[in-house]
Amino acid sequence: MDKEPNNIHETQPSANDTGRSGSFDPQFEDAQRIEGGGAPQKIIWNTLPKGIRVIGYVFAAAVVAMLVFALSTNFY
């Protein structure tokens, strides 16, 4: 098997492809390259399905309730 020096694997970025368009976060470089979706976009919470929003609200309320409980037990 002859290996050419310029032959790269399909998952490796090419030398001239930086993958940087718009805002860029180096921590997400691999995920952006794998998914091919470009830069992460801001989530518009009102457009999520109602069930997901309800789960998020319940989770946030539970975190706040645990914080209030922890703070209230510390003072007695």
N, C-alpha and C. Protein backbone atom coordinates (compact mmCIF):
# COMPACT_ATOMS: atom_id res chain seq x y z
N MET A 1 0.82 -1.17 0.00
CA MET A 1 0.00 0.00 0.00
C MET A 1 0.87 1.25 0.00
N ASP A 2 0.73 2.05 -1.03
CA ASP A 2 1.50 3.29 -1.11
C ASP A 2 0.70 4.41 -0.47
N LYS A 3 1.34 5.11 0.43
CA LYS A 3 0.68 6.27 1.06
C LYS A 3 1.28 7.54 0.47
N GLU A 4 0.40 8.35 -0.04
CA GLU A 4 0.85 9.63 -0.56
C GLU A 4 0.98 10.61 0.60
N PRO A 5 1.98 11.50 0.58
CA PRO A 5 2.17 12.44 1.69
C PRO A 5 1.03 13.45 1.81
N ASN A 6 0.31 13.74 0.73
CA ASN A 6 -0.78 14.71 0.77
C ASN A 6 -2.14 14.07 1.03
N ASN A 7 -2.16 12.76 1.17
CA ASN A 7 -3.42 12.06 1.38
C ASN A 7 -3.81 12.15 2.85
N ILE A 8 -4.98 12.72 3.14
CA ILE A 8 -5.45 12.84 4.51
C ILE A 8 -6.75 12.07 4.66
N HIS A 9 -7.07 11.67 5.88
CA HIS A 9 -8.30 10.95 6.13
C HIS A 9 -9.48 11.90 5.98
N GLU A 10 -10.65 11.34 5.68
CA GLU A 10 -11.82 12.18 5.42
C GLU A 10 -12.30 12.95 6.64
N THR A 11 -11.95 12.48 7.84
CA THR A 11 -12.37 13.20 9.05
C THR A 11 -11.41 14.30 9.45
N GLN A 12 -10.24 14.35 8.84
CA GLN A 12 -9.28 15.40 9.15
C GLN A 12 -9.61 16.66 8.35
N PRO A 13 -9.49 17.82 8.99
CA PRO A 13 -9.76 19.04 8.24
C PRO A 13 -8.66 19.29 7.20
N SER A 14 -9.04 19.86 6.09
CA SER A 14 -8.03 20.18 5.08
C SER A 14 -7.21 21.37 5.55
N ALA A 15 -6.09 21.58 4.94
CA ALA A 15 -5.17 22.64 5.36
C ALA A 15 -5.80 24.02 5.17
N ASN A 16 -6.61 24.19 4.14
CA ASN A 16 -7.19 25.51 3.88
C ASN A 16 -8.57 25.68 4.51
N ASP A 17 -9.10 24.64 5.14
CA ASP A 17 -10.42 24.72 5.78
C ASP A 17 -10.23 24.95 7.27
N THR A 18 -10.52 26.16 7.72
CA THR A 18 -10.39 26.45 9.15
C THR A 18 -11.68 26.17 9.89
N GLY A 19 -12.81 26.11 9.17
CA GLY A 19 -14.09 25.85 9.80
C GLY A 19 -14.61 27.02 10.61
N ARG A 20 -13.97 28.17 10.48
CA ARG A 20 -14.35 29.34 11.27
C ARG A 20 -15.21 30.27 10.43
N SER A 21 -16.46 30.36 10.84
CA SER A 21 -17.34 31.31 10.19
C SER A 21 -18.14 32.01 11.27
N GLY A 22 -18.11 33.31 11.28
CA GLY A 22 -18.82 34.07 12.30
C GLY A 22 -18.16 33.89 13.66
N SER A 23 -18.97 33.76 14.69
CA SER A 23 -18.41 33.56 16.02
C SER A 23 -17.90 32.13 16.13
N PHE A 24 -16.82 31.95 16.87
CA PHE A 24 -16.16 30.65 16.92
C PHE A 24 -15.73 30.37 18.35
N ASP A 25 -16.06 29.18 18.82
CA ASP A 25 -15.62 28.74 20.14
C ASP A 25 -14.79 27.48 19.93
N PRO A 26 -13.51 27.49 20.27
CA PRO A 26 -12.66 26.33 19.99
C PRO A 26 -13.09 25.06 20.71
N GLN A 27 -13.86 25.17 21.79
CA GLN A 27 -14.30 23.98 22.49
C GLN A 27 -15.31 23.18 21.66
N PHE A 28 -16.02 23.85 20.77
CA PHE A 28 -17.04 23.18 19.97
C PHE A 28 -16.56 22.85 18.56
N GLU A 29 -15.29 23.00 18.29
CA GLU A 29 -14.79 22.80 16.93
C GLU A 29 -15.08 21.39 16.42
N ASP A 30 -14.80 20.36 17.23
CA ASP A 30 -15.05 19.00 16.79
C ASP A 30 -16.53 18.73 16.57
N ALA A 31 -17.36 19.18 17.49
CA ALA A 31 -18.81 18.96 17.34
C ALA A 31 -19.34 19.67 16.10
N GLN A 32 -18.86 20.87 15.84
CA GLN A 32 -19.32 21.61 14.66
C GLN A 32 -18.90 20.89 13.38
N ARG A 33 -17.68 20.35 13.38
CA ARG A 33 -17.21 19.65 12.18
C ARG A 33 -17.98 18.36 11.98
N ILE A 34 -18.26 17.62 13.06
CA ILE A 34 -18.97 16.35 12.95
C ILE A 34 -20.42 16.56 12.53
N GLU A 35 -21.10 17.49 13.18
CA GLU A 35 -22.52 17.72 12.90
C GLU A 35 -22.75 18.49 11.61
N GLY A 36 -21.79 19.30 11.22
CA GLY A 36 -21.92 20.05 9.99
C GLY A 36 -22.98 21.14 10.05
N GLY A 37 -23.33 21.57 11.26
CA GLY A 37 -24.39 22.55 11.41
C GLY A 37 -23.89 23.97 11.53
N GLY A 38 -22.60 24.17 11.49
CA GLY A 38 -22.07 25.52 11.64
C GLY A 38 -21.99 25.92 13.10
N ALA A 39 -21.93 27.20 13.33
CA ALA A 39 -21.79 27.72 14.69
C ALA A 39 -23.08 27.48 15.48
N PRO A 40 -22.95 27.24 16.80
CA PRO A 40 -24.16 27.07 17.61
C PRO A 40 -25.01 28.35 17.59
N GLN A 41 -26.31 28.15 17.55
CA GLN A 41 -27.21 29.30 17.50
C GLN A 41 -27.93 29.46 18.82
N LYS A 42 -28.37 30.67 19.09
CA LYS A 42 -29.07 30.96 20.33
C LYS A 42 -30.43 30.25 20.34
N ILE A 43 -30.78 29.68 21.50
CA ILE A 43 -32.04 28.96 21.63
C ILE A 43 -33.15 29.95 21.98
N ILE A 44 -34.25 29.88 21.26
CA ILE A 44 -35.43 30.70 21.57
C ILE A 44 -36.37 29.80 22.36
N TRP A 45 -36.42 30.02 23.67
CA TRP A 45 -37.12 29.11 24.57
C TRP A 45 -38.62 29.06 24.29
N ASN A 46 -39.21 30.13 23.81
CA ASN A 46 -40.66 30.15 23.55
C ASN A 46 -41.05 29.24 22.39
N THR A 47 -40.10 28.85 21.56
CA THR A 47 -40.41 28.01 20.41
C THR A 47 -40.29 26.53 20.73
N LEU A 48 -39.80 26.18 21.94
CA LEU A 48 -39.69 24.78 22.31
C LEU A 48 -41.07 24.19 22.55
N PRO A 49 -41.21 22.86 22.41
CA PRO A 49 -42.51 22.24 22.69
C PRO A 49 -42.92 22.46 24.14
N LYS A 50 -44.22 22.48 24.38
CA LYS A 50 -44.75 22.79 25.71
C LYS A 50 -44.25 21.81 26.76
N GLY A 51 -44.15 20.52 26.44
CA GLY A 51 -43.68 19.52 27.39
C GLY A 51 -42.26 19.78 27.86
N ILE A 52 -41.40 20.17 26.95
CA ILE A 52 -40.00 20.46 27.30
C ILE A 52 -39.93 21.69 28.20
N ARG A 53 -40.73 22.72 27.88
CA ARG A 53 -40.74 23.92 28.73
C ARG A 53 -41.24 23.61 30.12
N VAL A 54 -42.30 22.77 30.23
CA VAL A 54 -42.83 22.41 31.55
C VAL A 54 -41.79 21.66 32.36
N ILE A 55 -41.09 20.72 31.73
CA ILE A 55 -40.03 19.99 32.42
C ILE A 55 -38.95 20.95 32.90
N GLY A 56 -38.58 21.92 32.07
CA GLY A 56 -37.58 22.91 32.46
C GLY A 56 -38.04 23.76 33.63
N TYR A 57 -39.31 24.17 33.60
CA TYR A 57 -39.84 24.97 34.71
C TYR A 57 -39.88 24.17 36.00
N VAL A 58 -40.28 22.89 35.92
CA VAL A 58 -40.32 22.03 37.11
C VAL A 58 -38.91 21.84 37.66
N PHE A 59 -37.95 21.62 36.79
CA PHE A 59 -36.56 21.44 37.23
C PHE A 59 -36.04 22.72 37.89
N ALA A 60 -36.30 23.87 37.29
CA ALA A 60 -35.85 25.14 37.87
C ALA A 60 -36.52 25.39 39.22
N ALA A 61 -37.80 25.07 39.33
CA ALA A 61 -38.51 25.25 40.60
C ALA A 61 -37.95 24.31 41.67
N ALA A 62 -37.60 23.09 41.28
CA ALA A 62 -37.04 22.14 42.24
C ALA A 62 -35.68 22.63 42.74
N VAL A 63 -34.87 23.18 41.85
CA VAL A 63 -33.56 23.71 42.26
C VAL A 63 -33.74 24.87 43.23
N VAL A 64 -34.65 25.77 42.93
CA VAL A 64 -34.91 26.91 43.81
C VAL A 64 -35.44 26.43 45.16
N ALA A 65 -36.35 25.45 45.15
CA ALA A 65 -36.92 24.92 46.40
C ALA A 65 -35.82 24.26 47.25
N MET A 66 -34.92 23.52 46.62
CA MET A 66 -33.81 22.89 47.37
C MET A 66 -32.89 23.96 47.95
N LEU A 67 -32.64 25.02 47.20
CA LEU A 67 -31.78 26.09 47.69
C LEU A 67 -32.42 26.79 48.89
N VAL A 68 -33.72 27.08 48.79
CA VAL A 68 -34.43 27.72 49.90
C VAL A 68 -34.44 26.80 51.11
N PHE A 69 -34.70 25.51 50.91
CA PHE A 69 -34.70 24.55 52.01
C PHE A 69 -33.33 24.48 52.68
N ALA A 70 -32.28 24.43 51.87
CA ALA A 70 -30.92 24.34 52.42
C ALA A 70 -30.58 25.60 53.21
N LEU A 71 -30.95 26.75 52.71
CA LEU A 71 -30.67 27.99 53.42
C LEU A 71 -31.49 28.11 54.70
N SER A 72 -32.74 27.65 54.67
CA SER A 72 -33.59 27.77 55.85
C SER A 72 -33.15 26.81 56.94
N THR A 73 -32.62 25.65 56.59
CA THR A 73 -32.16 24.71 57.63
C THR A 73 -30.82 25.12 58.21
N ASN A 74 -30.09 25.92 57.53
CA ASN A 74 -28.80 26.38 58.03
C ASN A 74 -28.94 27.40 59.16
N PHE A 75 -30.05 28.15 59.16
CA PHE A 75 -30.21 29.22 60.13
C PHE A 75 -30.83 28.75 61.45
N TYR A 76 -31.31 27.52 61.51
CA TYR A 76 -31.95 27.04 62.76
C TYR A 76 -31.04 26.11 63.51
